[in-house]
Amino acid sequence: MPAFPTLFRGTAFAINLTTIAMMVLTGLVVLIVMRLAVRRLDMRHPRGLQNVIEWIADFAATTARDAMPSEKAARSILPLAMVMLVYLFVANWLGLIATIELVVKKPVPWLGLTPDVLEQAHGRVALFDSPTANMSMTLGLAIMVWLMSHARGLRHPREWAKHFLSPTPWVLPLTIIEEITNPLTHGMRLFGNIFAGEALMGVILGIPLIFGWVPVGLPLLLIWLFYSAFVSTIQAYVFTILMCLYIGNKSFDEGHAH
C-alpha cells in the first residue's frame, strides 16, 4: 500500500494532497469535455462528442424522472445528476488508466512522509490515483447529498416533520437509524468498490515475473481491468440514482414523496 503526501497527518484535519489534486483534475477533465461537446453545436445533425453528451443527458433525465416524485422535482435535480454521473465516471476511471508512484527514500515531514510512513509503504508514494478510492472523498459527497435532501425537505416543514413522526412508536428509531446509515452506505459502497479494484490490481502487478520477463499475471490483469472498468461505470450510476432517490424521498413539491 503506497503512502500519500498528507498535510496535518495524524490529526482530525489530515488533507490527502493526492486526492485533492485528483479531484481538481477530474473537474478539469469534465469541464474540458463538456466545453468541447458544446463548442460546435448542431441541433439538426449532432455528431461526435455532442452525441455522447446528449445521450448522457437523456440517460440522466430518465434517471431523475424515475427517482423524483414530480417533473418539477426532476428538472431541479437534473443538472446535478448529470454532472455527478460524468464526474464519478471520470473519477472512477482515472486509477484504471494510470497509476503514478515515486520511490522516496528521504523523509519529508511537512508532507506527512515520516520515516515510519515510508518504511510501511516501502518508499512508494502515490501521485496519481482515483479520488474515489479515498473514503473521505466519497463520504463527503454522501454527506453533501444528505444535507441537500434535508434542505429540500425543509422547504415544506410540515411534510418534512411527518416523514419522521408516526403513530407507531417504534417507527421513529428506525427512521433515525436509516438517516444515519444512508449516507454511510452511500459513500462507503462507492469507496469500497473502487478501492478494492485498485488494490487487487496492485497485487496482480506485484506477481513475480518468470525468467525475469514473462508476465504471469498479465491475463489475470486484463480480465480484472475489464471487470473493474464495468464496476467503475456501474458505481457512478448507482451513486447518482441513490442521490436522486434520497433527495426525491424528501421532495414534497406535490405534497408527498415516494
C-alpha atoms as a PDB file:
ATOM      1  CA  MET A   1       0.000   0.000   0.000  1.00  0.00           C
ATOM      2  CA  PRO A   2       1.650   3.277  -1.082  1.00  0.00           C
ATOM      3  CA  ALA A   3       1.816   6.364   1.094  1.00  0.00           C
ATOM      4  CA  PHE A   4       0.213   9.673   0.175  1.00  0.00           C
ATOM      5  CA  PRO A   5       1.568  13.192   0.721  1.00  0.00           C
ATOM      6  CA  THR A   6      -0.651  14.440   3.540  1.00  0.00           C
ATOM      7  CA  LEU A   7      -0.853  17.705   5.415  1.00  0.00           C
ATOM      8  CA  PHE A   8      -1.561  17.566   9.160  1.00  0.00           C
ATOM      9  CA  ARG A   9      -1.118  13.786   9.239  1.00  0.00           C
ATOM     10  CA  GLY A  10      -2.245  12.218  12.489  1.00  0.00           C
ATOM     11  CA  THR A  11      -4.852  14.899  13.194  1.00  0.00           C
ATOM     12  CA  ALA A  12      -8.586  15.135  12.546  1.00  0.00           C
ATOM     13  CA  PHE A  13      -7.829  17.609   9.743  1.00  0.00           C
ATOM     14  CA  ALA A  14      -5.488  15.463   7.655  1.00  0.00           C
ATOM     15  CA  ILE A  15      -5.533  16.526   3.979  1.00  0.00           C
ATOM     16  CA  ASN A  16      -4.546  13.975   1.340  1.00  0.00           C
ATOM     17  CA  LEU A  17      -2.900  16.141  -1.323  1.00  0.00           C
ATOM     18  CA  THR A  18      -3.060  13.430  -3.974  1.00  0.00           C
ATOM     19  CA  THR A  19      -6.822  13.083  -3.542  1.00  0.00           C
ATOM     20  CA  ILE A  20      -7.311  16.874  -3.653  1.00  0.00           C
ATOM     21  CA  ALA A  21      -5.214  17.117  -6.815  1.00  0.00           C
ATOM     22  CA  MET A  22      -7.108  14.243  -8.457  1.00  0.00           C
ATOM     23  CA  MET A  23     -10.471  15.814  -7.561  1.00  0.00           C
ATOM     24  CA  VAL A  24      -9.374  19.039  -9.255  1.00  0.00           C
ATOM     25  CA  LEU A  25      -8.028  17.094 -12.248  1.00  0.00           C
ATOM     26  CA  THR A  26     -11.328  15.221 -12.565  1.00  0.00           C
ATOM     27  CA  GLY A  27     -13.217  18.508 -12.552  1.00  0.00           C
ATOM     28  CA  LEU A  28     -10.932  19.933 -15.238  1.00  0.00           C
ATOM     29  CA  VAL A  29     -11.375  16.853 -17.430  1.00  0.00           C
ATOM     30  CA  VAL A  30     -15.169  17.076 -17.125  1.00  0.00           C
ATOM     31  CA  LEU A  31     -15.105  20.824 -17.835  1.00  0.00           C
ATOM     32  CA  ILE A  32     -12.915  20.417 -20.924  1.00  0.00           C
ATOM     33  CA  VAL A  33     -15.014  17.536 -22.289  1.00  0.00           C
ATOM     34  CA  MET A  34     -18.251  19.473 -21.786  1.00  0.00           C
ATOM     35  CA  ARG A  35     -16.759  22.554 -23.400  1.00  0.00           C
ATOM     36  CA  LEU A  36     -15.576  20.595 -26.413  1.00  0.00           C
ATOM     37  CA  ALA A  37     -19.002  18.987 -26.751  1.00  0.00           C
ATOM     38  CA  VAL A  38     -20.827  22.317 -26.987  1.00  0.00           C
ATOM     39  CA  ARG A  39     -18.182  24.166 -28.970  1.00  0.00           C
ATOM     40  CA  ARG A  40     -19.893  23.479 -32.301  1.00  0.00           C
ATOM     41  CA  LEU A  41     -23.499  22.674 -31.503  1.00  0.00           C
ATOM     42  CA  ASP A  42     -25.541  21.313 -34.377  1.00  0.00           C
ATOM     43  CA  MET A  43     -29.159  20.844 -33.394  1.00  0.00           C
ATOM     44  CA  ARG A  44     -30.131  19.163 -36.662  1.00  0.00           C
ATOM     45  CA  HIS A  45     -27.167  16.878 -37.214  1.00  0.00           C
ATOM     46  CA  PRO A  46     -25.404  16.211 -33.878  1.00  0.00           C
ATOM     47  CA  ARG A  47     -22.262  14.149 -34.134  1.00  0.00           C
ATOM     48  CA  GLY A  48     -19.194  13.013 -32.290  1.00  0.00           C
ATOM     49  CA  LEU A  49     -18.814  14.159 -28.702  1.00  0.00           C
ATOM     50  CA  GLN A  50     -22.069  16.106 -28.843  1.00  0.00           C
ATOM     51  CA  ASN A  51     -23.920  12.837 -29.477  1.00  0.00           C
ATOM     52  CA  VAL A  52     -22.276  11.243 -26.420  1.00  0.00           C
ATOM     53  CA  ILE A  53     -23.113  14.157 -24.119  1.00  0.00           C
ATOM     54  CA  GLU A  54     -26.712  14.271 -25.391  1.00  0.00           C
ATOM     55  CA  TRP A  55     -27.065  10.553 -24.690  1.00  0.00           C
ATOM     56  CA  ILE A  56     -25.718  11.071 -21.164  1.00  0.00           C
ATOM     57  CA  ALA A  57     -28.134  13.975 -20.661  1.00  0.00           C
ATOM     58  CA  ASP A  58     -31.079  11.823 -21.785  1.00  0.00           C
ATOM     59  CA  PHE A  59     -29.941   8.999 -19.509  1.00  0.00           C
ATOM     60  CA  ALA A  60     -29.594  11.370 -16.535  1.00  0.00           C
ATOM     61  CA  ALA A  61     -33.039  12.838 -17.279  1.00  0.00           C
ATOM     62  CA  THR A  62     -34.627   9.383 -17.297  1.00  0.00           C
ATOM     63  CA  THR A  63     -32.868   8.511 -14.027  1.00  0.00           C
ATOM     64  CA  ALA A  64     -34.077  11.736 -12.390  1.00  0.00           C
ATOM     65  CA  ARG A  65     -37.673  11.269 -13.572  1.00  0.00           C
ATOM     66  CA  ASP A  66     -37.763   7.685 -12.305  1.00  0.00           C
ATOM     67  CA  ALA A  67     -36.479   8.698  -8.860  1.00  0.00           C
ATOM     68  CA  MET A  68     -38.177  12.041  -8.228  1.00  0.00           C
ATOM     69  CA  PRO A  69     -41.868  12.440  -7.302  1.00  0.00           C
ATOM     70  CA  SER A  70     -42.708  15.065  -9.930  1.00  0.00           C
ATOM     71  CA  GLU A  71     -41.487  16.554 -13.198  1.00  0.00           C
ATOM     72  CA  LYS A  72     -40.705  19.814 -11.379  1.00  0.00           C
ATOM     73  CA  ALA A  73     -38.501  17.981  -8.886  1.00  0.00           C
ATOM     74  CA  ALA A  74     -36.824  16.017 -11.677  1.00  0.00           C
ATOM     75  CA  ARG A  75     -35.929  19.218 -13.546  1.00  0.00           C
ATOM     76  CA  SER A  76     -34.442  20.718 -10.398  1.00  0.00           C
ATOM     77  CA  ILE A  77     -32.127  17.735  -9.793  1.00  0.00           C
ATOM     78  CA  LEU A  78     -31.237  17.011 -13.442  1.00  0.00           C
ATOM     79  CA  PRO A  79     -28.150  19.308 -13.744  1.00  0.00           C
ATOM     80  CA  LEU A  80     -26.627  17.844 -10.572  1.00  0.00           C
ATOM     81  CA  ALA A  81     -27.481  14.280 -11.631  1.00  0.00           C
ATOM     82  CA  MET A  82     -25.771  14.703 -14.988  1.00  0.00           C
ATOM     83  CA  VAL A  83     -22.653  16.364 -13.546  1.00  0.00           C
ATOM     84  CA  MET A  84     -22.434  13.750 -10.765  1.00  0.00           C
ATOM     85  CA  LEU A  85     -22.748  10.904 -13.275  1.00  0.00           C
ATOM     86  CA  VAL A  86     -19.990  12.244 -15.537  1.00  0.00           C
ATOM     87  CA  TYR A  87     -17.741  13.367 -12.670  1.00  0.00           C
ATOM     88  CA  LEU A  88     -17.834   9.995 -10.904  1.00  0.00           C
ATOM     89  CA  PHE A  89     -17.344   8.121 -14.174  1.00  0.00           C
ATOM     90  CA  VAL A  90     -14.133  10.055 -14.848  1.00  0.00           C
ATOM     91  CA  ALA A  91     -13.005   9.863 -11.196  1.00  0.00           C
ATOM     92  CA  ASN A  92     -13.528   6.095 -11.034  1.00  0.00           C
ATOM     93  CA  TRP A  93     -11.649   5.512 -14.285  1.00  0.00           C
ATOM     94  CA  LEU A  94      -8.567   7.607 -13.516  1.00  0.00           C
ATOM     95  CA  GLY A  95      -6.966   4.914 -11.370  1.00  0.00           C
ATOM     96  CA  LEU A  96      -7.602   2.332 -14.090  1.00  0.00           C
ATOM     97  CA  ILE A  97      -5.994   4.437 -16.789  1.00  0.00           C
ATOM     98  CA  ALA A  98      -2.750   5.101 -14.940  1.00  0.00           C
ATOM     99  CA  THR A  99      -1.041   4.845 -11.569  1.00  0.00           C
ATOM    100  CA  ILE A 100       1.963   7.040 -10.843  1.00  0.00           C
ATOM    101  CA  GLU A 101       4.180   6.373  -7.866  1.00  0.00           C
ATOM    102  CA  LEU A 102       7.522   7.749  -6.766  1.00  0.00           C
ATOM    103  CA  VAL A 103      10.092   5.978  -4.658  1.00  0.00           C
ATOM    104  CA  VAL A 104      11.007   8.383  -1.862  1.00  0.00           C
ATOM    105  CA  LYS A 105      13.932   7.469   0.362  1.00  0.00           C
ATOM    106  CA  LYS A 106      14.347  10.725   2.260  1.00  0.00           C
ATOM    107  CA  PRO A 107      11.571  11.662   4.746  1.00  0.00           C
ATOM    108  CA  VAL A 108       9.547  14.805   4.063  1.00  0.00           C
ATOM    109  CA  PRO A 109       7.902  15.518   7.448  1.00  0.00           C
ATOM    110  CA  TRP A 110       5.808  18.517   6.360  1.00  0.00           C
ATOM    111  CA  LEU A 111       4.086  16.279   3.784  1.00  0.00           C
ATOM    112  CA  GLY A 112       3.483  13.593   6.373  1.00  0.00           C
ATOM    113  CA  LEU A 113       6.138  11.339   4.808  1.00  0.00           C
ATOM    114  CA  THR A 114       7.838  10.396   8.040  1.00  0.00           C
ATOM    115  CA  PRO A 115      10.374   7.541   8.313  1.00  0.00           C
ATOM    116  CA  ASP A 116       7.715   5.211   9.750  1.00  0.00           C
ATOM    117  CA  VAL A 117       5.250   6.001   6.946  1.00  0.00           C
ATOM    118  CA  LEU A 118       7.859   5.489   4.231  1.00  0.00           C
ATOM    119  CA  GLU A 119       9.015   2.236   5.821  1.00  0.00           C
ATOM    120  CA  GLN A 120       5.470   0.838   5.847  1.00  0.00           C
ATOM    121  CA  ALA A 121       4.984   1.867   2.205  1.00  0.00           C
ATOM    122  CA  HIS A 122       8.464   0.628   1.186  1.00  0.00           C
ATOM    123  CA  GLY A 123       9.185   4.154  -0.002  1.00  0.00           C
ATOM    124  CA  ARG A 124       6.314   4.215  -2.522  1.00  0.00           C
ATOM    125  CA  VAL A 125       4.399   7.494  -2.686  1.00  0.00           C
ATOM    126  CA  ALA A 126       1.291   7.706  -4.890  1.00  0.00           C
ATOM    127  CA  LEU A 127       0.850  10.835  -7.008  1.00  0.00           C
ATOM    128  CA  PHE A 128      -1.930   9.668  -9.350  1.00  0.00           C
ATOM    129  CA  ASP A 129      -4.929   7.684  -8.137  1.00  0.00           C
ATOM    130  CA  SER A 130      -8.719   7.592  -8.332  1.00  0.00           C
ATOM    131  CA  PRO A 131     -10.061  10.205  -5.892  1.00  0.00           C
ATOM    132  CA  THR A 132     -12.997   7.887  -5.151  1.00  0.00           C
ATOM    133  CA  ALA A 133     -10.535   5.353  -3.726  1.00  0.00           C
ATOM    134  CA  ASN A 134     -10.355   7.701  -0.729  1.00  0.00           C
ATOM    135  CA  MET A 135     -13.186   7.217   1.797  1.00  0.00           C
ATOM    136  CA  SER A 136     -13.101  10.845   2.920  1.00  0.00           C
ATOM    137  CA  MET A 137     -13.969  11.977  -0.594  1.00  0.00           C
ATOM    138  CA  THR A 138     -16.858   9.552  -1.103  1.00  0.00           C
ATOM    139  CA  LEU A 139     -18.291  10.136   2.379  1.00  0.00           C
ATOM    140  CA  GLY A 140     -18.005  13.873   1.745  1.00  0.00           C
ATOM    141  CA  LEU A 141     -20.148  13.507  -1.370  1.00  0.00           C
ATOM    142  CA  ALA A 142     -22.630  11.328   0.515  1.00  0.00           C
ATOM    143  CA  ILE A 143     -22.938  13.873   3.345  1.00  0.00           C
ATOM    144  CA  MET A 144     -23.460  16.613   0.756  1.00  0.00           C
ATOM    145  CA  VAL A 145     -26.353  14.616  -0.711  1.00  0.00           C
ATOM    146  CA  TRP A 146     -27.786  14.027   2.777  1.00  0.00           C
ATOM    147  CA  LEU A 147     -27.683  17.749   3.566  1.00  0.00           C
ATOM    148  CA  MET A 148     -29.256  18.626   0.222  1.00  0.00           C
ATOM    149  CA  SER A 149     -32.088  16.151   0.762  1.00  0.00           C
ATOM    150  CA  HIS A 150     -32.968  17.652   4.145  1.00  0.00           C
ATOM    151  CA  ALA A 151     -32.581  21.209   2.865  1.00  0.00           C
ATOM    152  CA  ARG A 152     -35.062  20.397   0.117  1.00  0.00           C
ATOM    153  CA  GLY A 153     -37.430  18.700   2.578  1.00  0.00           C
ATOM    154  CA  LEU A 154     -37.347  21.687   4.936  1.00  0.00           C
ATOM    155  CA  ARG A 155     -38.859  23.849   2.225  1.00  0.00           C
ATOM    156  CA  HIS A 156     -42.074  22.151   3.372  1.00  0.00           C
ATOM    157  CA  PRO A 157     -41.544  21.836   7.170  1.00  0.00           C
ATOM    158  CA  ARG A 158     -44.879  20.180   7.938  1.00  0.00           C
ATOM    159  CA  GLU A 159     -44.423  17.378   5.392  1.00  0.00           C
ATOM    160  CA  TRP A 160     -40.771  17.015   6.412  1.00  0.00           C
ATOM    161  CA  ALA A 161     -41.784  16.513  10.063  1.00  0.00           C
ATOM    162  CA  LYS A 162     -44.409  13.945   9.071  1.00  0.00           C
ATOM    163  CA  HIS A 163     -41.602  11.980   7.432  1.00  0.00           C
ATOM    164  CA  PHE A 164     -40.209  11.293  10.922  1.00  0.00           C
ATOM    165  CA  LEU A 165     -43.343  11.252  13.070  1.00  0.00           C
ATOM    166  CA  SER A 166     -45.631   8.246  13.075  1.00  0.00           C
ATOM    167  CA  PRO A 167     -48.435   6.962  15.317  1.00  0.00           C
ATOM    168  CA  THR A 168     -46.428   3.768  15.756  1.00  0.00           C
ATOM    169  CA  PRO A 169     -43.727   4.371  18.443  1.00  0.00           C
ATOM    170  CA  TRP A 170     -41.099   2.012  17.004  1.00  0.00           C
ATOM    171  CA  VAL A 171     -41.032   3.722  13.595  1.00  0.00           C
ATOM    172  CA  LEU A 172     -39.113   6.807  14.800  1.00  0.00           C
ATOM    173  CA  PRO A 173     -35.987   4.878  15.984  1.00  0.00           C
ATOM    174  CA  LEU A 174     -35.890   3.010  12.668  1.00  0.00           C
ATOM    175  CA  THR A 175     -36.199   6.281  10.750  1.00  0.00           C
ATOM    176  CA  ILE A 176     -33.312   7.793  12.736  1.00  0.00           C
ATOM    177  CA  ILE A 177     -31.159   4.721  12.120  1.00  0.00           C
ATOM    178  CA  GLU A 178     -31.974   4.941   8.418  1.00  0.00           C
ATOM    179  CA  GLU A 179     -30.936   8.599   8.335  1.00  0.00           C
ATOM    180  CA  ILE A 180     -27.555   7.641   9.823  1.00  0.00           C
ATOM    181  CA  THR A 181     -26.894   4.573   7.704  1.00  0.00           C
ATOM    182  CA  ASN A 182     -27.968   6.063   4.359  1.00  0.00           C
ATOM    183  CA  PRO A 183     -25.019   8.468   3.945  1.00  0.00           C
ATOM    184  CA  LEU A 184     -22.602   5.901   5.391  1.00  0.00           C
ATOM    185  CA  THR A 185     -23.575   3.145   2.968  1.00  0.00           C
ATOM    186  CA  HIS A 186     -23.937   5.643   0.122  1.00  0.00           C
ATOM    187  CA  GLY A 187     -20.321   6.749   0.411  1.00  0.00           C
ATOM    188  CA  MET A 188     -18.715   3.517   1.578  1.00  0.00           C
ATOM    189  CA  ARG A 189     -20.252   1.469  -1.248  1.00  0.00           C
ATOM    190  CA  LEU A 190     -18.520   3.664  -3.826  1.00  0.00           C
ATOM    191  CA  PHE A 191     -15.241   3.753  -1.909  1.00  0.00           C
ATOM    192  CA  GLY A 192     -15.187   0.003  -1.259  1.00  0.00           C
ATOM    193  CA  ASN A 193     -15.682  -0.974  -4.891  1.00  0.00           C
ATOM    194  CA  ILE A 194     -13.102   1.435  -6.302  1.00  0.00           C
ATOM    195  CA  PHE A 195     -10.500   0.859  -3.583  1.00  0.00           C
ATOM    196  CA  ALA A 196     -10.808  -2.924  -3.771  1.00  0.00           C
ATOM    197  CA  GLY A 197     -10.432  -2.879  -7.545  1.00  0.00           C
ATOM    198  CA  GLU A 198      -7.272  -0.804  -7.457  1.00  0.00           C
ATOM    199  CA  ALA A 199      -5.812  -2.698  -4.501  1.00  0.00           C
ATOM    200  CA  LEU A 200      -6.177  -6.033  -6.285  1.00  0.00           C
ATOM    201  CA  MET A 201      -4.599  -4.587  -9.424  1.00  0.00           C
ATOM    202  CA  GLY A 202      -1.617  -3.623  -7.304  1.00  0.00           C
ATOM    203  CA  VAL A 203      -1.396  -7.199  -6.020  1.00  0.00           C
ATOM    204  CA  ILE A 204      -1.578  -8.618  -9.550  1.00  0.00           C
ATOM    205  CA  LEU A 205       1.117  -6.223 -10.771  1.00  0.00           C
ATOM    206  CA  GLY A 206       3.307  -7.432  -7.926  1.00  0.00           C
ATOM    207  CA  ILE A 207       3.269 -11.063  -9.130  1.00  0.00           C
ATOM    208  CA  PRO A 208       6.893 -12.078  -9.840  1.00  0.00           C
ATOM    209  CA  LEU A 209       7.956 -12.489 -13.452  1.00  0.00           C
ATOM    210  CA  ILE A 210       9.147 -15.894 -14.707  1.00  0.00           C
ATOM    211  CA  PHE A 211      12.722 -15.704 -16.005  1.00  0.00           C
ATOM    212  CA  GLY A 212      12.584 -12.009 -15.171  1.00  0.00           C
ATOM    213  CA  TRP A 213      10.411 -11.032 -18.142  1.00  0.00           C
ATOM    214  CA  VAL A 214       7.403 -13.382 -18.566  1.00  0.00           C
ATOM    215  CA  PRO A 215       4.329 -11.607 -17.027  1.00  0.00           C
ATOM    216  CA  VAL A 216       2.429 -14.490 -15.433  1.00  0.00           C
ATOM    217  CA  GLY A 217      -0.269 -12.158 -14.129  1.00  0.00           C
ATOM    218  CA  LEU A 218      -0.958 -10.428 -17.465  1.00  0.00           C
ATOM    219  CA  PRO A 219      -4.069 -12.475 -18.421  1.00  0.00           C
ATOM    220  CA  LEU A 220      -5.487 -12.040 -14.908  1.00  0.00           C
ATOM    221  CA  LEU A 221      -4.672  -8.321 -15.021  1.00  0.00           C
ATOM    222  CA  LEU A 222      -6.531  -7.850 -18.317  1.00  0.00           C
ATOM    223  CA  ILE A 223      -9.576  -9.710 -17.007  1.00  0.00           C
ATOM    224  CA  TRP A 224      -9.585  -7.653 -13.812  1.00  0.00           C
ATOM    225  CA  LEU A 225      -9.157  -4.397 -15.764  1.00  0.00           C
ATOM    226  CA  PHE A 226     -12.263  -5.134 -17.845  1.00  0.00           C
ATOM    227  CA  TYR A 227     -14.210  -6.111 -14.738  1.00  0.00           C
ATOM    228  CA  SER A 228     -13.046  -3.026 -12.814  1.00  0.00           C
ATOM    229  CA  ALA A 229     -13.998  -0.805 -15.748  1.00  0.00           C
ATOM    230  CA  PHE A 230     -17.510  -2.282 -15.664  1.00  0.00           C
ATOM    231  CA  VAL A 231     -17.764  -1.861 -11.877  1.00  0.00           C
ATOM    232  CA  SER A 232     -16.453   1.716 -12.054  1.00  0.00           C
ATOM    233  CA  THR A 233     -19.107   2.638 -14.596  1.00  0.00           C
ATOM    234  CA  ILE A 234     -21.915   0.942 -12.657  1.00  0.00           C
ATOM    235  CA  GLN A 235     -20.867   2.586  -9.391  1.00  0.00           C
ATOM    236  CA  ALA A 236     -21.096   6.048 -10.966  1.00  0.00           C
ATOM    237  CA  TYR A 237     -24.673   5.221 -11.943  1.00  0.00           C
ATOM    238  CA  VAL A 238     -25.547   3.639  -8.580  1.00  0.00           C
ATOM    239  CA  PHE A 239     -24.304   6.654  -6.617  1.00  0.00           C
ATOM    240  CA  THR A 240     -26.230   9.031  -8.894  1.00  0.00           C
ATOM    241  CA  ILE A 241     -29.529   7.158  -8.781  1.00  0.00           C
ATOM    242  CA  LEU A 242     -29.302   6.787  -4.985  1.00  0.00           C
ATOM    243  CA  MET A 243     -28.663  10.522  -4.766  1.00  0.00           C
ATOM    244  CA  CYS A 244     -31.836  11.166  -6.758  1.00  0.00           C
ATOM    245  CA  LEU A 245     -33.806   8.693  -4.616  1.00  0.00           C
ATOM    246  CA  TYR A 246     -32.643  10.188  -1.305  1.00  0.00           C
ATOM    247  CA  ILE A 247     -33.453  13.719  -2.436  1.00  0.00           C
ATOM    248  CA  GLY A 248     -36.697  12.535  -4.034  1.00  0.00           C
ATOM    249  CA  ASN A 249     -37.834  10.921  -0.788  1.00  0.00           C
ATOM    250  CA  LYS A 250     -37.730  14.351   0.849  1.00  0.00           C
ATOM    251  CA  SER A 251     -39.157  16.325  -2.061  1.00  0.00           C
ATOM    252  CA  PHE A 252     -42.696  17.429  -1.237  1.00  0.00           C
ATOM    253  CA  ASP A 253     -43.430  19.582  -4.279  1.00  0.00           C
ATOM    254  CA  GLU A 254     -46.603  17.608  -4.913  1.00  0.00           C
ATOM    255  CA  GLY A 255     -47.441  17.273  -1.224  1.00  0.00           C
ATOM    256  CA  HIS A 256     -45.933  13.803  -0.939  1.00  0.00           C
ATOM    257  CA  ALA A 257     -42.764  11.815  -1.564  1.00  0.00           C
ATOM    258  CA  HIS A 258     -42.352   8.257  -2.763  1.00  0.00           C
END
